[in-house]
Amino acid sequence: MNKQKRTFVILAIVLAACLAGYLGLLNYNKYKSDDDSESESDSVEALSLDSSDVKSVSFLIDGREYTFSRIKSDGTSDETESTESEKTDTESESSDSDDDEQWICDNDTSLKINTSKVTSLLGNATSITASKKFDSDADTSDFGLDEPQNVVKLSTDDKTYTITIGEKNAMLGEYYIKVNDDVYLSSTTILGTIPDSIDDMIATEDSESTETESE
């Protein structure tokens, strides 16, 4: 009788342990699901622009600011083209395409710019998400924004957007950035698309061949 009672007690303990483990697993899965959802919802949109709306872009190369402007292949600026297009009908407007557009360096218009280099940079600069947005009264003195790694400016017909890239948070692997007046923590890869030399922005025979094939 004592043996049966002992067996019953052991089974009850095992059952209780299994039940506790099951409930613990349910709570863990619920916590993990809530945590994942919170992480997704914490993603902040720092900047979102249509790259085709950008008329000019500037950034620092070896401490010097270079500006690149969008033009048509016939040499007219995009701004001039938009003014003239108001005088044309809808059919002629639709005939214009991005394939006819090029970029020039305002610092030296004789340079032939590799369009894909500018396009790549715009792809990163016009769409920036962040893991955190700091309050306006937050202490950002240690973020490296006063002595930034680079400053990128995107100009549209209506506004200029200034992206200041500060220090990298070594633990998180993200950068402190400032978009106009707002400060964020972002994993942006803009710096990887900014060349070390203006020579890297110049079109070569190989780059021109690659752009022609992509078209």
N, C-alpha and C. Protein backbone atom coordinates (compact mmCIF):
# COMPACT_ATOMS: atom_id res chain seq x y z
N MET A 1 0.85 -1.21 0.00
CA MET A 1 0.00 0.00 0.00
C MET A 1 0.88 1.26 0.00
N ASN A 2 1.90 1.22 0.86
CA ASN A 2 2.83 2.35 0.92
C ASN A 2 3.55 2.53 -0.42
N LYS A 3 3.84 1.39 -1.06
CA LYS A 3 4.53 1.44 -2.35
C LYS A 3 3.65 2.11 -3.40
N GLN A 4 2.36 1.77 -3.41
CA GLN A 4 1.42 2.39 -4.35
C GLN A 4 1.28 3.90 -4.07
N LYS A 5 1.26 4.22 -2.78
CA LYS A 5 1.13 5.63 -2.41
C LYS A 5 2.36 6.41 -2.85
N ARG A 6 3.53 5.78 -2.67
CA ARG A 6 4.77 6.45 -3.06
C ARG A 6 4.80 6.66 -4.58
N THR A 7 4.34 5.65 -5.31
CA THR A 7 4.31 5.75 -6.77
C THR A 7 3.36 6.86 -7.21
N PHE A 8 2.24 6.95 -6.54
CA PHE A 8 1.26 7.98 -6.86
C PHE A 8 1.83 9.38 -6.63
N VAL A 9 2.56 9.52 -5.51
CA VAL A 9 3.16 10.81 -5.19
C VAL A 9 4.19 11.20 -6.24
N ILE A 10 5.00 10.20 -6.67
CA ILE A 10 6.02 10.45 -7.69
C ILE A 10 5.37 10.88 -9.00
N LEU A 11 4.30 10.19 -9.40
CA LEU A 11 3.60 10.53 -10.63
C LEU A 11 3.00 11.93 -10.55
N ALA A 12 2.48 12.28 -9.37
CA ALA A 12 1.89 13.61 -9.19
C ALA A 12 2.96 14.69 -9.34
N ILE A 13 4.15 14.40 -8.77
CA ILE A 13 5.24 15.36 -8.87
C ILE A 13 5.68 15.53 -10.32
N VAL A 14 5.80 14.41 -11.04
CA VAL A 14 6.20 14.46 -12.45
C VAL A 14 5.18 15.22 -13.27
N LEU A 15 3.89 14.94 -13.00
CA LEU A 15 2.82 15.63 -13.71
C LEU A 15 2.85 17.13 -13.45
N ALA A 16 3.08 17.50 -12.19
CA ALA A 16 3.15 18.91 -11.83
C ALA A 16 4.33 19.59 -12.53
N ALA A 17 5.46 18.88 -12.60
CA ALA A 17 6.65 19.44 -13.26
C ALA A 17 6.39 19.63 -14.75
N CYS A 18 5.73 18.65 -15.38
CA CYS A 18 5.41 18.77 -16.81
C CYS A 18 4.47 19.93 -17.06
N LEU A 19 3.47 20.07 -16.16
CA LEU A 19 2.52 21.16 -16.31
C LEU A 19 3.19 22.51 -16.15
N ALA A 20 4.11 22.59 -15.17
CA ALA A 20 4.84 23.84 -14.96
C ALA A 20 5.71 24.18 -16.17
N GLY A 21 6.34 23.13 -16.73
CA GLY A 21 7.17 23.34 -17.92
C GLY A 21 6.34 23.80 -19.10
N TYR A 22 5.15 23.20 -19.25
CA TYR A 22 4.27 23.57 -20.35
C TYR A 22 3.81 25.01 -20.23
N LEU A 23 3.42 25.40 -19.01
CA LEU A 23 2.97 26.78 -18.79
C LEU A 23 4.12 27.77 -19.00
N GLY A 24 5.31 27.35 -18.58
CA GLY A 24 6.48 28.20 -18.78
C GLY A 24 6.78 28.41 -20.25
N LEU A 25 6.63 27.34 -21.04
CA LEU A 25 6.86 27.43 -22.48
C LEU A 25 5.85 28.35 -23.14
N LEU A 26 4.60 28.26 -22.70
CA LEU A 26 3.57 29.14 -23.25
C LEU A 26 3.89 30.61 -22.96
N ASN A 27 4.31 30.88 -21.72
CA ASN A 27 4.65 32.26 -21.35
C ASN A 27 5.85 32.77 -22.12
N TYR A 28 6.83 31.87 -22.34
CA TYR A 28 8.02 32.27 -23.09
C TYR A 28 7.67 32.64 -24.53
N ASN A 29 6.84 31.78 -25.16
CA ASN A 29 6.44 32.04 -26.54
C ASN A 29 5.65 33.33 -26.65
N LYS A 30 4.80 33.59 -25.67
CA LYS A 30 4.01 34.82 -25.67
C LYS A 30 4.93 36.02 -25.50
N TYR A 31 5.91 35.91 -24.59
CA TYR A 31 6.84 37.00 -24.36
C TYR A 31 7.68 37.28 -25.61
N LYS A 32 8.14 36.19 -26.24
CA LYS A 32 8.96 36.33 -27.43
C LYS A 32 8.17 36.98 -28.56
N SER A 33 6.89 36.55 -28.69
CA SER A 33 6.05 37.12 -29.74
C SER A 33 5.80 38.60 -29.50
N ASP A 34 5.54 38.96 -28.23
CA ASP A 34 5.31 40.36 -27.88
C ASP A 34 6.58 41.19 -28.10
N ASP A 35 7.73 40.58 -27.77
CA ASP A 35 9.00 41.28 -27.92
C ASP A 35 9.32 41.53 -29.39
N ASP A 36 9.05 40.52 -30.23
CA ASP A 36 9.29 40.68 -31.67
C ASP A 36 8.39 41.74 -32.25
N SER A 37 7.13 41.74 -31.82
CA SER A 37 6.17 42.73 -32.33
C SER A 37 6.58 44.13 -31.91
N GLU A 38 7.08 44.23 -30.67
CA GLU A 38 7.50 45.53 -30.17
C GLU A 38 8.72 46.03 -30.94
N SER A 39 9.63 45.09 -31.28
CA SER A 39 10.82 45.48 -32.03
C SER A 39 10.45 46.00 -33.41
N GLU A 40 9.49 45.33 -34.04
CA GLU A 40 9.04 45.76 -35.36
C GLU A 40 8.38 47.14 -35.29
N SER A 41 7.56 47.33 -34.25
CA SER A 41 6.85 48.59 -34.14
C SER A 41 7.79 49.72 -33.74
N ASP A 42 8.95 49.37 -33.14
CA ASP A 42 9.90 50.38 -32.73
C ASP A 42 10.68 50.96 -33.90
N SER A 43 10.59 50.35 -35.07
CA SER A 43 11.30 50.85 -36.24
C SER A 43 10.72 52.21 -36.62
N VAL A 44 11.61 53.19 -36.76
CA VAL A 44 11.19 54.57 -37.03
C VAL A 44 11.63 54.99 -38.42
N GLU A 45 10.77 55.69 -39.12
CA GLU A 45 11.11 56.21 -40.45
C GLU A 45 11.80 57.56 -40.27
N ALA A 46 13.10 57.60 -40.56
CA ALA A 46 13.84 58.84 -40.41
C ALA A 46 13.72 59.72 -41.64
N LEU A 47 13.68 59.08 -42.81
CA LEU A 47 13.55 59.84 -44.06
C LEU A 47 13.03 58.92 -45.16
N SER A 48 12.10 59.43 -45.93
CA SER A 48 11.55 58.67 -47.06
C SER A 48 11.24 59.64 -48.19
N LEU A 49 12.04 59.56 -49.25
CA LEU A 49 11.87 60.42 -50.41
C LEU A 49 11.89 59.57 -51.68
N ASP A 50 11.26 60.09 -52.71
CA ASP A 50 11.37 59.48 -54.03
C ASP A 50 12.67 60.00 -54.64
N SER A 51 13.60 59.10 -54.92
CA SER A 51 14.92 59.52 -55.42
C SER A 51 14.81 60.33 -56.70
N SER A 52 13.75 60.12 -57.48
CA SER A 52 13.60 60.86 -58.73
C SER A 52 13.25 62.32 -58.47
N ASP A 53 12.85 62.65 -57.23
CA ASP A 53 12.53 64.04 -56.89
C ASP A 53 13.77 64.84 -56.49
N VAL A 54 14.86 64.14 -56.29
CA VAL A 54 16.08 64.81 -55.86
C VAL A 54 16.75 65.47 -57.07
N LYS A 55 16.94 66.77 -56.98
CA LYS A 55 17.54 67.53 -58.08
C LYS A 55 19.05 67.65 -57.94
N SER A 56 19.51 67.66 -56.70
CA SER A 56 20.96 67.73 -56.46
C SER A 56 21.29 67.05 -55.14
N VAL A 57 22.51 66.57 -55.06
CA VAL A 57 22.98 65.90 -53.84
C VAL A 57 24.42 66.36 -53.58
N SER A 58 24.72 66.60 -52.33
CA SER A 58 26.08 67.00 -51.99
C SER A 58 26.55 66.21 -50.78
N PHE A 59 27.87 66.00 -50.70
CA PHE A 59 28.47 65.30 -49.57
C PHE A 59 29.95 65.63 -49.52
N LEU A 60 30.59 65.21 -48.46
CA LEU A 60 32.00 65.53 -48.27
C LEU A 60 32.90 64.42 -48.80
N ILE A 61 33.92 64.82 -49.55
CA ILE A 61 34.96 63.90 -49.98
C ILE A 61 36.29 64.49 -49.51
N ASP A 62 36.92 63.78 -48.59
CA ASP A 62 38.18 64.25 -48.02
C ASP A 62 38.05 65.67 -47.47
N GLY A 63 36.93 65.94 -46.80
CA GLY A 63 36.73 67.21 -46.14
C GLY A 63 36.20 68.33 -47.03
N ARG A 64 36.07 68.06 -48.32
CA ARG A 64 35.57 69.09 -49.24
C ARG A 64 34.17 68.72 -49.72
N GLU A 65 33.29 69.71 -49.76
CA GLU A 65 31.92 69.45 -50.20
C GLU A 65 31.83 69.44 -51.73
N TYR A 66 31.27 68.36 -52.25
CA TYR A 66 31.03 68.24 -53.69
C TYR A 66 29.52 68.17 -53.92
N THR A 67 29.06 68.87 -54.93
CA THR A 67 27.64 68.88 -55.27
C THR A 67 27.44 68.32 -56.67
N PHE A 68 26.44 67.45 -56.79
CA PHE A 68 26.12 66.83 -58.07
C PHE A 68 24.68 67.15 -58.42
N SER A 69 24.47 67.63 -59.64
CA SER A 69 23.13 68.04 -60.09
C SER A 69 22.64 67.16 -61.22
N ARG A 70 21.35 66.93 -61.21
CA ARG A 70 20.72 66.11 -62.25
C ARG A 70 20.47 66.95 -63.49
N ILE A 71 20.86 66.44 -64.65
CA ILE A 71 20.62 67.14 -65.91
C ILE A 71 20.07 66.16 -66.94
N LYS A 72 19.55 66.71 -68.03
CA LYS A 72 19.15 65.88 -69.15
C LYS A 72 20.36 65.62 -70.03
N SER A 73 20.30 64.59 -70.85
CA SER A 73 21.44 64.24 -71.69
C SER A 73 21.78 65.31 -72.70
N ASP A 74 20.83 66.24 -72.95
CA ASP A 74 21.12 67.31 -73.91
C ASP A 74 21.81 68.49 -73.24
N GLY A 75 22.08 68.33 -71.92
CA GLY A 75 22.83 69.36 -71.22
C GLY A 75 21.97 70.33 -70.44
N THR A 76 20.66 70.28 -70.57
CA THR A 76 19.80 71.19 -69.83
C THR A 76 19.61 70.67 -68.42
N SER A 77 19.49 71.60 -67.49
CA SER A 77 19.29 71.19 -66.11
C SER A 77 17.89 70.64 -65.93
N ASP A 78 17.71 69.84 -64.88
CA ASP A 78 16.40 69.27 -64.62
C ASP A 78 15.39 70.35 -64.28
N GLU A 79 15.86 71.43 -63.64
CA GLU A 79 14.98 72.54 -63.29
C GLU A 79 14.50 73.25 -64.54
N THR A 80 15.43 73.47 -65.50
CA THR A 80 15.06 74.11 -66.76
C THR A 80 14.10 73.25 -67.54
N GLU A 81 14.36 71.96 -67.51
CA GLU A 81 13.51 71.03 -68.24
C GLU A 81 12.09 71.02 -67.71
N SER A 82 11.98 71.09 -66.36
CA SER A 82 10.64 71.09 -65.76
C SER A 82 9.87 72.35 -66.12
N THR A 83 10.60 73.49 -66.26
CA THR A 83 9.94 74.74 -66.64
C THR A 83 9.46 74.67 -68.08
N GLU A 84 10.32 74.14 -68.96
CA GLU A 84 9.96 74.04 -70.37
C GLU A 84 8.85 73.03 -70.60
N SER A 85 8.80 72.01 -69.76
CA SER A 85 7.80 70.96 -69.95
C SER A 85 6.39 71.47 -69.72
N GLU A 86 6.28 72.59 -68.98
CA GLU A 86 4.96 73.16 -68.75
C GLU A 86 4.36 73.68 -70.05
N LYS A 87 5.24 73.93 -71.03
CA LYS A 87 4.77 74.48 -72.29
C LYS A 87 4.47 73.38 -73.31
N THR A 88 4.75 72.15 -72.96
CA THR A 88 4.54 71.03 -73.87
C THR A 88 3.31 70.26 -73.49
N ASP A 89 2.85 69.40 -74.42
CA ASP A 89 1.67 68.61 -74.10
C ASP A 89 2.07 67.37 -73.30
N THR A 90 1.05 66.64 -72.86
CA THR A 90 1.27 65.48 -71.99
C THR A 90 2.08 64.41 -72.69
N GLU A 91 1.89 64.25 -73.98
CA GLU A 91 2.59 63.20 -74.72
C GLU A 91 4.09 63.46 -74.74
N SER A 92 4.49 64.70 -74.95
CA SER A 92 5.92 65.00 -74.99
C SER A 92 6.54 64.87 -73.61
N GLU A 93 5.75 65.18 -72.56
CA GLU A 93 6.25 65.03 -71.20
C GLU A 93 6.52 63.58 -70.87
N SER A 94 5.63 62.69 -71.30
CA SER A 94 5.78 61.27 -70.99
C SER A 94 6.93 60.64 -71.75
N SER A 95 7.41 61.32 -72.79
CA SER A 95 8.51 60.75 -73.56
C SER A 95 9.84 60.90 -72.84
N ASP A 96 9.90 61.83 -71.84
CA ASP A 96 11.11 61.98 -71.06
C ASP A 96 11.24 60.79 -70.11
N SER A 97 12.44 60.30 -69.93
CA SER A 97 12.66 59.17 -69.03
C SER A 97 13.96 59.35 -68.29
N ASP A 98 14.13 58.57 -67.21
CA ASP A 98 15.34 58.64 -66.42
C ASP A 98 16.56 58.20 -67.22
N ASP A 99 16.32 57.43 -68.29
CA ASP A 99 17.44 56.97 -69.11
C ASP A 99 18.14 58.16 -69.78
N ASP A 100 17.42 59.29 -69.94
CA ASP A 100 17.99 60.47 -70.59
C ASP A 100 18.69 61.39 -69.60
N GLU A 101 18.71 61.00 -68.33
CA GLU A 101 19.26 61.88 -67.30
C GLU A 101 20.69 61.50 -66.94
N GLN A 102 21.46 62.51 -66.64
CA GLN A 102 22.83 62.34 -66.21
C GLN A 102 23.08 63.23 -65.00
N TRP A 103 24.27 63.10 -64.42
CA TRP A 103 24.64 63.93 -63.29
C TRP A 103 25.95 64.65 -63.60
N ILE A 104 26.03 65.89 -63.18
CA ILE A 104 27.27 66.65 -63.35
C ILE A 104 27.77 67.08 -61.98
N CYS A 105 29.07 67.30 -61.90
CA CYS A 105 29.67 67.80 -60.67
C CYS A 105 29.73 69.32 -60.77
N ASP A 106 29.03 69.99 -59.90
CA ASP A 106 29.01 71.46 -59.94
C ASP A 106 30.39 72.05 -59.69
N ASN A 107 31.22 71.34 -58.95
CA ASN A 107 32.58 71.82 -58.66
C ASN A 107 33.45 71.83 -59.90
N ASP A 108 33.19 70.87 -60.81
CA ASP A 108 33.96 70.77 -62.05
C ASP A 108 33.07 70.10 -63.10
N THR A 109 32.40 70.91 -63.88
CA THR A 109 31.43 70.39 -64.85
C THR A 109 32.08 69.63 -66.01
N SER A 110 33.40 69.67 -66.10
CA SER A 110 34.08 68.94 -67.17
C SER A 110 34.19 67.45 -66.85
N LEU A 111 33.97 67.10 -65.61
CA LEU A 111 34.06 65.69 -65.21
C LEU A 111 32.85 64.91 -65.71
N LYS A 112 33.08 63.71 -66.21
CA LYS A 112 31.99 62.84 -66.62
C LYS A 112 31.67 61.90 -65.47
N ILE A 113 30.52 62.09 -64.86
CA ILE A 113 30.17 61.38 -63.64
C ILE A 113 29.54 60.02 -63.91
N ASN A 114 29.93 59.05 -63.10
CA ASN A 114 29.35 57.72 -63.15
C ASN A 114 27.96 57.77 -62.51
N THR A 115 26.94 57.72 -63.34
CA THR A 115 25.56 57.87 -62.86
C THR A 115 25.19 56.82 -61.82
N SER A 116 25.66 55.61 -61.99
CA SER A 116 25.31 54.53 -61.06
C SER A 116 25.83 54.80 -59.65
N LYS A 117 26.94 55.53 -59.54
CA LYS A 117 27.48 55.89 -58.23
C LYS A 117 26.51 56.79 -57.48
N VAL A 118 25.98 57.78 -58.20
CA VAL A 118 25.03 58.71 -57.59
C VAL A 118 23.73 57.98 -57.26
N THR A 119 23.30 57.14 -58.17
CA THR A 119 22.06 56.38 -57.96
C THR A 119 22.15 55.49 -56.73
N SER A 120 23.29 54.85 -56.56
CA SER A 120 23.51 53.98 -55.40
C SER A 120 23.44 54.77 -54.10
N LEU A 121 24.07 55.93 -54.09
CA LEU A 121 24.05 56.76 -52.89
C LEU A 121 22.63 57.24 -52.58
N LEU A 122 21.92 57.67 -53.62
CA LEU A 122 20.55 58.14 -53.42
C LEU A 122 19.65 57.03 -52.88
N GLY A 123 19.89 55.80 -53.34
CA GLY A 123 19.08 54.68 -52.86
C GLY A 123 19.18 54.52 -51.35
N ASN A 124 20.36 54.79 -50.79
CA ASN A 124 20.55 54.70 -49.35
C ASN A 124 20.10 55.95 -48.62
N ALA A 125 20.37 57.10 -49.21
CA ALA A 125 20.10 58.37 -48.53
C ALA A 125 18.63 58.76 -48.49
N THR A 126 17.87 58.33 -49.49
CA THR A 126 16.47 58.75 -49.56
C THR A 126 15.52 57.84 -48.77
N SER A 127 16.04 56.73 -48.29
CA SER A 127 15.21 55.81 -47.51
C SER A 127 15.98 55.36 -46.27
N ILE A 128 15.71 56.00 -45.15
CA ILE A 128 16.44 55.73 -43.92
C ILE A 128 15.47 55.33 -42.81
N THR A 129 15.70 54.17 -42.23
CA THR A 129 14.93 53.75 -41.06
C THR A 129 15.85 53.77 -39.85
N ALA A 130 15.28 53.90 -38.69
CA ALA A 130 16.07 53.98 -37.46
C ALA A 130 15.45 53.10 -36.37
N SER A 131 16.29 52.69 -35.45
CA SER A 131 15.81 51.87 -34.33
C SER A 131 15.33 52.74 -33.19
N LYS A 132 15.75 54.03 -33.23
CA LYS A 132 15.35 54.92 -32.15
C LYS A 132 15.39 56.37 -32.61
N LYS A 133 14.43 57.15 -32.12
CA LYS A 133 14.42 58.60 -32.32
C LYS A 133 14.56 59.25 -30.95
N PHE A 134 15.53 60.14 -30.81
CA PHE A 134 15.78 60.77 -29.53
C PHE A 134 14.88 61.99 -29.31
N ASP A 135 14.53 62.21 -28.06
CA ASP A 135 13.73 63.39 -27.73
C ASP A 135 14.52 64.66 -28.03
N SER A 136 13.82 65.72 -28.28
CA SER A 136 14.47 66.99 -28.65
C SER A 136 15.36 67.53 -27.54
N ASP A 137 15.06 67.16 -26.29
CA ASP A 137 15.87 67.67 -25.17
C ASP A 137 16.93 66.66 -24.72
N ALA A 138 17.14 65.61 -25.49
CA ALA A 138 18.13 64.58 -25.13
C ALA A 138 19.55 65.14 -25.28
N ASP A 139 20.47 64.64 -24.46
CA ASP A 139 21.86 65.05 -24.53
C ASP A 139 22.55 64.28 -25.66
N THR A 140 22.85 64.97 -26.74
CA THR A 140 23.47 64.33 -27.91
C THR A 140 24.92 64.78 -28.11
N SER A 141 25.50 65.32 -27.06
CA SER A 141 26.85 65.88 -27.17
C SER A 141 27.91 64.84 -27.48
N ASP A 142 27.64 63.59 -27.12
CA ASP A 142 28.62 62.52 -27.34
C ASP A 142 28.33 61.72 -28.61
N PHE A 143 27.44 62.21 -29.45
CA PHE A 143 27.04 61.46 -30.64
C PHE A 143 27.92 61.76 -31.87
N GLY A 144 28.83 62.70 -31.72
CA GLY A 144 29.72 63.02 -32.83
C GLY A 144 29.08 63.85 -33.93
N LEU A 145 27.97 64.47 -33.62
CA LEU A 145 27.26 65.25 -34.64
C LEU A 145 27.86 66.63 -34.85
N ASP A 146 28.64 67.10 -33.85
CA ASP A 146 29.31 68.40 -34.00
C ASP A 146 30.53 68.28 -34.90
N GLU A 147 31.13 67.10 -34.93
CA GLU A 147 32.25 66.81 -35.83
C GLU A 147 31.91 65.54 -36.60
N PRO A 148 30.96 65.64 -37.53
CA PRO A 148 30.42 64.46 -38.21
C PRO A 148 31.41 63.79 -39.16
N GLN A 149 31.12 62.52 -39.43
CA GLN A 149 31.91 61.79 -40.41
C GLN A 149 31.59 62.27 -41.82
N ASN A 150 30.34 62.67 -42.02
CA ASN A 150 29.95 63.24 -43.30
C ASN A 150 28.62 63.95 -43.16
N VAL A 151 28.35 64.83 -44.12
CA VAL A 151 27.08 65.55 -44.17
C VAL A 151 26.54 65.43 -45.60
N VAL A 152 25.39 64.83 -45.74
CA VAL A 152 24.77 64.63 -47.05
C VAL A 152 23.55 65.55 -47.16
N LYS A 153 23.46 66.27 -48.28
CA LYS A 153 22.33 67.17 -48.50
C LYS A 153 21.58 66.75 -49.77
N LEU A 154 20.29 66.59 -49.63
CA LEU A 154 19.42 66.23 -50.76
C LEU A 154 18.48 67.40 -51.02
N SER A 155 18.50 67.90 -52.24
CA SER A 155 17.65 69.05 -52.57
C SER A 155 16.59 68.66 -53.59
N THR A 156 15.33 68.97 -53.26
CA THR A 156 14.22 68.78 -54.17
C THR A 156 13.74 70.17 -54.59
N ASP A 157 12.66 70.22 -55.33
CA ASP A 157 12.11 71.52 -55.73
C ASP A 157 11.63 72.33 -54.52
N ASP A 158 11.22 71.61 -53.46
CA ASP A 158 10.58 72.28 -52.34
C ASP A 158 11.45 72.43 -51.10
N LYS A 159 12.43 71.53 -50.93
CA LYS A 159 13.12 71.51 -49.64
C LYS A 159 14.51 70.88 -49.76
N THR A 160 15.37 71.21 -48.83
CA THR A 160 16.68 70.58 -48.73
C THR A 160 16.73 69.77 -47.43
N TYR A 161 17.11 68.52 -47.55
CA TYR A 161 17.21 67.61 -46.40
C TYR A 161 18.69 67.41 -46.08
N THR A 162 19.06 67.69 -44.84
CA THR A 162 20.44 67.55 -44.42
C THR A 162 20.59 66.35 -43.50
N ILE A 163 21.46 65.43 -43.90
CA ILE A 163 21.70 64.20 -43.12
C ILE A 163 23.11 64.27 -42.55
N THR A 164 23.20 64.43 -41.25
CA THR A 164 24.49 64.51 -40.57
C THR A 164 24.80 63.16 -39.93
N ILE A 165 25.94 62.60 -40.28
CA ILE A 165 26.30 61.26 -39.79
C ILE A 165 27.38 61.37 -38.73
N GLY A 166 27.04 60.98 -37.50
CA GLY A 166 27.96 61.10 -36.39
C GLY A 166 28.72 59.81 -36.10
N GLU A 167 28.95 59.57 -34.81
CA GLU A 167 29.72 58.40 -34.40
C GLU A 167 28.91 57.11 -34.54
N LYS A 168 29.64 56.00 -34.56
CA LYS A 168 29.01 54.69 -34.61
C LYS A 168 28.97 54.12 -33.20
N ASN A 169 27.81 53.64 -32.79
CA ASN A 169 27.67 52.98 -31.49
C ASN A 169 28.26 51.58 -31.63
N ALA A 170 29.42 51.36 -31.01
CA ALA A 170 30.15 50.10 -31.18
C ALA A 170 29.36 48.89 -30.72
N MET A 171 28.58 49.04 -29.66
CA MET A 171 27.82 47.91 -29.11
C MET A 171 26.66 47.54 -30.02
N LEU A 172 25.99 48.54 -30.56
CA LEU A 172 24.79 48.29 -31.37
C LEU A 172 25.11 48.20 -32.87
N GLY A 173 26.27 48.70 -33.26
CA GLY A 173 26.63 48.68 -34.68
C GLY A 173 25.79 49.63 -35.51
N GLU A 174 25.28 50.69 -34.88
CA GLU A 174 24.46 51.67 -35.56
C GLU A 174 25.05 53.07 -35.41
N TYR A 175 24.63 53.96 -36.31
CA TYR A 175 25.17 55.31 -36.32
C TYR A 175 24.18 56.31 -35.71
N TYR A 176 24.75 57.32 -35.07
CA TYR A 176 23.94 58.45 -34.64
C TYR A 176 23.84 59.39 -35.83
N ILE A 177 22.65 59.68 -36.27
CA ILE A 177 22.47 60.56 -37.41
C ILE A 177 21.45 61.65 -37.06
N LYS A 178 21.55 62.73 -37.81
CA LYS A 178 20.62 63.84 -37.63
C LYS A 178 20.03 64.18 -38.99
N VAL A 179 18.73 64.09 -39.10
CA VAL A 179 18.03 64.45 -40.33
C VAL A 179 17.31 65.76 -40.08
N ASN A 180 17.86 66.81 -40.65
CA ASN A 180 17.41 68.17 -40.35
C ASN A 180 17.54 68.42 -38.84
N ASP A 181 16.45 68.47 -38.10
CA ASP A 181 16.54 68.77 -36.67
C ASP A 181 16.34 67.54 -35.77
N ASP A 182 16.05 66.39 -36.35
CA ASP A 182 15.76 65.20 -35.56
C ASP A 182 16.95 64.25 -35.51
N VAL A 183 17.20 63.69 -34.33
CA VAL A 183 18.35 62.80 -34.11
C VAL A 183 17.86 61.36 -33.96
N TYR A 184 18.58 60.44 -34.64
CA TYR A 184 18.19 59.03 -34.64
C TYR A 184 19.40 58.13 -34.42
N LEU A 185 19.09 56.85 -34.15
CA LEU A 185 20.10 55.80 -34.13
C LEU A 185 19.73 54.87 -35.27
N SER A 186 20.61 54.75 -36.25
CA SER A 186 20.26 54.04 -37.48
C SER A 186 21.40 53.17 -37.99
N SER A 187 21.02 52.09 -38.67
CA SER A 187 22.00 51.20 -39.29
C SER A 187 22.24 51.58 -40.75
N THR A 188 22.02 52.83 -41.08
CA THR A 188 22.18 53.31 -42.46
C THR A 188 23.55 52.96 -43.02
N THR A 189 23.58 52.68 -44.32
CA THR A 189 24.84 52.32 -44.99
C THR A 189 25.28 53.42 -45.96
N ILE A 190 24.86 54.64 -45.70
CA ILE A 190 25.22 55.76 -46.59
C ILE A 190 26.73 55.89 -46.73
N LEU A 191 27.44 55.79 -45.62
CA LEU A 191 28.89 55.99 -45.66
C LEU A 191 29.57 55.03 -46.63
N GLY A 192 29.02 53.84 -46.77
CA GLY A 192 29.61 52.86 -47.67
C GLY A 192 29.48 53.21 -49.14
N THR A 193 28.60 54.16 -49.46
CA THR A 193 28.40 54.55 -50.86
C THR A 193 29.07 55.89 -51.19
N ILE A 194 29.72 56.50 -50.20
CA ILE A 194 30.43 57.75 -50.42
C ILE A 194 31.89 57.43 -50.73
N PRO A 195 32.40 57.88 -51.86
CA PRO A 195 33.77 57.54 -52.27
C PRO A 195 34.83 58.25 -51.44
N ASP A 196 36.03 57.70 -51.47
CA ASP A 196 37.16 58.32 -50.77
C ASP A 196 37.79 59.42 -51.61
N SER A 197 37.55 59.38 -52.91
CA SER A 197 38.15 60.35 -53.82
C SER A 197 37.16 60.72 -54.91
N ILE A 198 37.25 61.93 -55.43
CA ILE A 198 36.38 62.35 -56.52
C ILE A 198 36.62 61.50 -57.76
N ASP A 199 37.82 60.94 -57.86
CA ASP A 199 38.15 60.08 -59.00
C ASP A 199 37.24 58.85 -59.05
N ASP A 200 36.76 58.42 -57.87
CA ASP A 200 35.88 57.26 -57.83
C ASP A 200 34.50 57.56 -58.38
N MET A 201 34.18 58.84 -58.56
CA MET A 201 32.88 59.23 -59.10
C MET A 201 32.92 59.42 -60.61
N ILE A 202 34.10 59.37 -61.19
CA ILE A 202 34.24 59.61 -62.62
C ILE A 202 33.94 58.34 -63.41
N ALA A 203 33.19 58.49 -64.48
CA ALA A 203 32.83 57.36 -65.33
C ALA A 203 34.05 56.84 -66.09
N THR A 204 34.16 55.52 -66.18
CA THR A 204 35.21 54.89 -66.97
C THR A 204 34.56 54.11 -68.10
N GLU A 205 35.36 53.58 -68.98
CA GLU A 205 34.80 52.78 -70.08
C GLU A 205 34.05 51.58 -69.55
N ASP A 206 34.57 50.97 -68.49
CA ASP A 206 33.90 49.79 -67.92
C ASP A 206 32.56 50.17 -67.29
N SER A 207 32.53 51.30 -66.55
CA SER A 207 31.28 51.71 -65.90
C SER A 207 30.24 52.12 -66.92
N GLU A 208 30.67 52.78 -68.00
CA GLU A 208 29.73 53.18 -69.05
C GLU A 208 29.16 51.96 -69.75
N SER A 209 30.01 50.94 -69.93
CA SER A 209 29.54 49.70 -70.57
C SER A 209 28.52 49.01 -69.69
N THR A 210 28.78 49.00 -68.38
CA THR A 210 27.85 48.37 -67.43
C THR A 210 26.51 49.08 -67.41
N GLU A 211 26.53 50.43 -67.42
CA GLU A 211 25.29 51.21 -67.41
C GLU A 211 24.50 50.98 -68.68
N THR A 212 25.20 50.87 -69.82
CA THR A 212 24.52 50.64 -71.10
C THR A 212 23.85 49.27 -71.10
N GLU A 213 24.52 48.27 -70.56
CA GLU A 213 23.94 46.92 -70.52
C GLU A 213 22.72 46.87 -69.60
N SER A 214 22.77 47.62 -68.48
CA SER A 214 21.65 47.62 -67.53
C SER A 214 20.43 48.28 -68.14
N GLU A 215 20.62 49.22 -69.06
CA GLU A 215 19.50 49.89 -69.69
C GLU A 215 18.81 48.96 -70.69
